[in-house]
Amino acid sequence: MRKNYICCLHTNGGVAITHNDKQKVLEDYFSDHLGTMVQRPRTFDWNVLGYVSRDLSMLEVPFTQDEIKETINSMPFDKAPGPDGFTCGFFKKCWEIIKEDVTEAMNSMFMLNP
């Protein structure tokens, strides 16, 4: 048996029951707490600060086997990178056998595709 519940928001000004009233209460709350965007009178001159623009597009590409292998090889032999208990020694010694599976697993996580 399904029960119908009336959901309402209690505020200092009373109770909001309708969708529009709840929307107004939420907009007012977050507007008061987060504020509004204000134009800054000054900004940073990044060139004076020595900022050099970087091409970060490589952060959006899948991992390569070489990147993964290089990372594994940079880790201590007897340390386990995760709770499964497999040490980096395991990954280093078995790399030629597991490299395809490890690369697929890493890129699956990267793409959020289980």
Protein backbone atom coordinates (compact mmCIF):
# COMPACT_ATOMS: atom_id res chain seq x y z
CA MET A 1 0.00 0.00 0.00
CA ARG A 2 1.49 3.30 -1.07
CA LYS A 3 1.28 6.23 1.31
CA ASN A 4 1.27 9.80 0.12
CA TYR A 5 3.45 12.11 2.12
CA ILE A 6 3.27 15.86 2.00
CA CYS A 7 6.75 17.24 1.92
CA CYS A 8 7.16 20.77 3.15
CA LEU A 9 9.92 23.17 4.13
CA HIS A 10 9.75 25.02 7.41
CA THR A 11 11.19 28.53 7.27
CA ASN A 12 11.25 31.60 9.47
CA GLY A 13 8.44 32.98 7.33
CA GLY A 14 6.23 29.91 7.64
CA VAL A 15 5.83 26.66 5.75
CA ALA A 16 6.43 26.17 2.04
CA ILE A 17 4.18 23.46 0.59
CA THR A 18 3.88 24.11 -3.14
CA HIS A 19 6.69 23.45 -5.58
CA ASN A 20 7.05 27.17 -6.39
CA ASP A 21 7.20 28.11 -2.70
CA LYS A 22 9.88 25.47 -2.05
CA GLN A 23 11.84 26.68 -5.05
CA LYS A 24 11.74 30.27 -3.73
CA VAL A 25 12.88 29.14 -0.25
CA LEU A 26 15.84 27.21 -1.73
CA GLU A 27 16.83 30.04 -4.09
CA ASP A 28 16.74 32.56 -1.23
CA TYR A 29 18.73 30.26 1.07
CA PHE A 30 21.54 29.60 -1.40
CA SER A 31 21.59 33.16 -2.66
CA ASP A 32 22.05 34.40 0.91
CA HIS A 33 24.78 31.87 1.67
CA LEU A 34 26.64 31.81 -1.62
CA GLY A 35 26.12 35.41 -2.61
CA THR A 36 26.21 36.80 -6.08
CA MET A 37 29.00 37.40 -8.53
CA VAL A 38 30.60 40.81 -8.14
CA GLN A 39 32.88 42.38 -10.73
CA ARG A 40 36.37 42.70 -9.27
CA PRO A 41 37.97 46.13 -9.49
CA ARG A 42 41.35 44.46 -10.17
CA THR A 43 42.58 41.19 -11.47
CA PHE A 44 45.88 39.35 -11.73
CA ASP A 45 48.27 40.17 -14.53
CA TRP A 46 49.40 36.61 -15.13
CA ASN A 47 52.20 37.64 -17.49
CA VAL A 48 53.83 39.78 -14.79
CA LEU A 49 53.59 36.87 -12.37
CA GLY A 50 55.43 34.63 -14.83
CA TYR A 51 52.46 32.37 -15.59
CA VAL A 52 53.06 30.16 -18.59
CA SER A 53 50.00 28.68 -20.27
CA ARG A 54 50.12 24.88 -20.52
CA ASP A 55 48.46 22.51 -22.94
CA LEU A 56 46.55 20.12 -20.64
CA SER A 57 44.73 18.20 -23.37
CA MET A 58 46.88 15.13 -22.63
CA LEU A 59 45.05 14.81 -19.29
CA GLU A 60 41.95 13.75 -21.21
CA VAL A 61 43.42 10.84 -23.15
CA PRO A 62 43.47 7.19 -22.02
CA PHE A 63 46.55 5.81 -20.26
CA THR A 64 49.20 4.08 -22.33
CA GLN A 65 50.88 0.83 -21.34
CA ASP A 66 54.18 2.70 -21.15
CA GLU A 67 52.76 5.26 -18.69
CA ILE A 68 51.35 2.53 -16.47
CA LYS A 69 54.56 0.48 -16.61
CA GLU A 70 56.67 3.56 -15.82
CA THR A 71 54.48 4.32 -12.80
CA ILE A 72 54.66 0.74 -11.55
CA ASN A 73 58.44 0.69 -12.02
CA SER A 74 58.79 3.92 -10.02
CA MET A 75 57.15 2.34 -6.96
CA PRO A 76 59.01 0.35 -4.25
CA PHE A 77 59.19 -3.39 -5.01
CA ASP A 78 57.62 -4.53 -1.72
CA LYS A 79 54.76 -2.01 -1.44
CA ALA A 80 51.13 -2.82 -2.24
CA PRO A 81 49.36 -0.01 -4.09
CA GLY A 82 45.92 -1.23 -3.01
CA PRO A 83 44.05 -3.35 -0.49
CA ASP A 84 44.25 -6.50 -2.65
CA GLY A 85 47.74 -7.24 -1.28
CA PHE A 86 49.49 -7.48 -4.65
CA THR A 87 52.84 -5.78 -4.28
CA CYS A 88 54.51 -3.76 -6.99
CA GLY A 89 56.94 -6.66 -7.26
CA PHE A 90 54.08 -8.78 -8.58
CA PHE A 91 53.17 -6.18 -11.19
CA LYS A 92 56.82 -5.74 -12.20
CA LYS A 93 57.57 -9.47 -12.50
CA CYS A 94 54.30 -10.33 -14.28
CA TRP A 95 54.00 -7.22 -16.45
CA GLU A 96 54.27 -9.06 -19.78
CA ILE A 97 51.42 -11.38 -18.75
CA ILE A 98 49.07 -8.84 -17.16
CA LYS A 99 49.79 -5.65 -19.10
CA GLU A 100 46.71 -5.90 -21.36
CA ASP A 101 44.35 -6.53 -18.43
CA VAL A 102 45.89 -3.81 -16.26
CA THR A 103 45.74 -1.27 -19.10
CA GLU A 104 42.11 -2.17 -19.83
CA ALA A 105 41.21 -1.88 -16.13
CA MET A 106 42.94 1.50 -15.76
CA ASN A 107 41.26 2.91 -18.87
CA SER A 108 37.91 1.49 -17.83
CA MET A 109 38.20 3.47 -14.58
CA PHE A 110 39.41 6.53 -16.50
CA MET A 111 36.35 6.40 -18.75
CA LEU A 112 34.07 5.46 -15.80
CA ASN A 113 33.01 2.42 -17.78
CA PRO A 114 32.92 -0.73 -15.62
